[in-house]
Amino acid sequence: MTKKIFFSVLLFSTAGTLFAQGNGTAGIEEATIMITSYFDPITKLIYAIGAVAGLIGGIKVYNKFSSGDPDTAKTASSWFGACIFLIVAATILRSFFL
């Protein structure tokens, strides 16, 4: 009989504790808002990095082309691919998470 009373008291005390955890959803929503607010500046930063990489790549390709280097097309395609990857990755991550 005392075991039933003990387990009943234990059950009611834990049930109250479980209902007290409802504020966790507010914290998760606040964290979600904070994280999504970072996506716009990060996307712009990735676009800026892509622009700088494109300029550096353009200069390197121009130097190779001017000197008559035979692997100019390979260098141009690798730099162009890197810039396209940065732009596409930023756009996809933004659309995937927002």
Protein backbone atom coordinates (compact mmCIF):
# COMPACT_ATOMS: atom_id res chain seq x y z
CA MET A 1 0.00 0.00 0.00
CA THR A 2 2.82 2.41 0.79
CA LYS A 3 4.42 1.60 -2.56
CA LYS A 4 1.24 2.72 -4.35
CA ILE A 5 1.20 5.98 -2.45
CA PHE A 6 4.91 6.52 -3.06
CA PHE A 7 4.58 5.90 -6.81
CA SER A 8 1.46 8.08 -7.01
CA VAL A 9 3.28 10.98 -5.36
CA LEU A 10 6.29 10.38 -7.61
CA LEU A 11 4.07 10.33 -10.72
CA PHE A 12 2.31 13.58 -9.81
CA SER A 13 5.57 15.34 -8.98
CA THR A 14 7.18 14.35 -12.29
CA ALA A 15 4.06 15.31 -14.24
CA GLY A 16 4.30 18.84 -12.85
CA THR A 17 7.95 18.98 -13.84
CA LEU A 18 7.14 17.85 -17.38
CA PHE A 19 4.59 20.61 -17.84
CA ALA A 20 7.09 23.17 -16.56
CA GLN A 21 9.35 22.46 -19.55
CA GLY A 22 6.97 24.25 -21.97
CA ASN A 23 9.25 27.31 -22.09
CA GLY A 24 11.78 25.33 -24.13
CA THR A 25 9.80 26.00 -27.30
CA ALA A 26 10.20 29.74 -26.80
CA GLY A 27 13.95 29.26 -26.52
CA ILE A 28 14.06 27.16 -29.67
CA GLU A 29 12.03 29.75 -31.57
CA GLU A 30 14.34 32.52 -30.37
CA ALA A 31 17.41 30.53 -31.44
CA THR A 32 15.83 29.91 -34.85
CA ILE A 33 15.19 33.62 -35.31
CA MET A 34 18.76 34.45 -34.30
CA ILE A 35 20.28 31.91 -36.68
CA THR A 36 18.10 32.92 -39.63
CA SER A 37 19.05 36.55 -39.07
CA TYR A 38 22.68 35.60 -39.83
CA PHE A 39 21.92 34.13 -43.26
CA ASP A 40 21.60 37.43 -45.14
CA PRO A 41 25.01 38.83 -44.04
CA ILE A 42 26.70 35.45 -44.53
CA THR A 43 25.24 35.13 -48.03
CA LYS A 44 26.51 38.60 -48.92
CA LEU A 45 29.92 37.71 -47.50
CA ILE A 46 30.10 34.57 -49.64
CA TYR A 47 29.12 36.61 -52.71
CA ALA A 48 31.90 39.09 -51.90
CA ILE A 49 34.41 36.25 -51.51
CA GLY A 50 33.24 34.90 -54.88
CA ALA A 51 33.75 38.31 -56.48
CA VAL A 52 37.28 38.61 -55.09
CA ALA A 53 38.08 35.07 -56.20
CA GLY A 54 36.74 35.93 -59.66
CA LEU A 55 38.95 39.00 -59.90
CA ILE A 56 42.03 37.10 -58.76
CA GLY A 57 41.21 34.28 -61.15
CA GLY A 58 40.69 36.71 -64.01
CA ILE A 59 44.08 38.30 -63.38
CA LYS A 60 45.81 34.92 -63.22
CA VAL A 61 44.13 33.72 -66.41
CA TYR A 62 45.05 36.98 -68.17
CA ASN A 63 48.69 36.60 -67.11
CA LYS A 64 48.81 33.01 -68.35
CA PHE A 65 47.11 33.95 -71.61
CA SER A 66 49.49 36.88 -72.16
CA SER A 67 52.55 34.72 -71.54
CA GLY A 68 51.32 32.04 -73.98
CA ASP A 69 50.91 29.28 -71.38
CA PRO A 70 49.21 26.24 -72.95
CA ASP A 71 47.05 25.36 -69.93
CA THR A 72 45.13 28.64 -69.88
CA ALA A 73 41.79 26.94 -70.52
CA LYS A 74 42.32 24.59 -67.58
CA THR A 75 43.12 27.48 -65.25
CA ALA A 76 40.17 29.52 -66.50
CA SER A 77 37.74 26.65 -66.05
CA SER A 78 38.96 25.92 -62.52
CA TRP A 79 38.62 29.55 -61.39
CA PHE A 80 35.27 29.94 -63.12
CA GLY A 81 34.04 26.71 -61.51
CA ALA A 82 35.13 27.92 -58.08
CA CYS A 83 33.22 31.18 -58.46
CA ILE A 84 30.10 29.41 -59.73
CA PHE A 85 30.32 26.96 -56.83
CA LEU A 86 30.43 29.79 -54.28
CA ILE A 87 27.42 31.52 -55.79
CA VAL A 88 25.37 28.34 -56.13
CA ALA A 89 26.31 27.08 -52.66
CA ALA A 90 25.29 30.35 -51.01
CA THR A 91 22.00 30.44 -52.90
CA ILE A 92 21.14 26.81 -52.16
CA LEU A 93 22.02 27.09 -48.47
CA ARG A 94 19.92 30.21 -48.16
CA SER A 95 16.92 28.64 -49.90
CA PHE A 96 17.32 25.38 -47.98
CA PHE A 97 17.39 26.90 -44.50
CA LEU A 98 15.03 29.87 -44.96
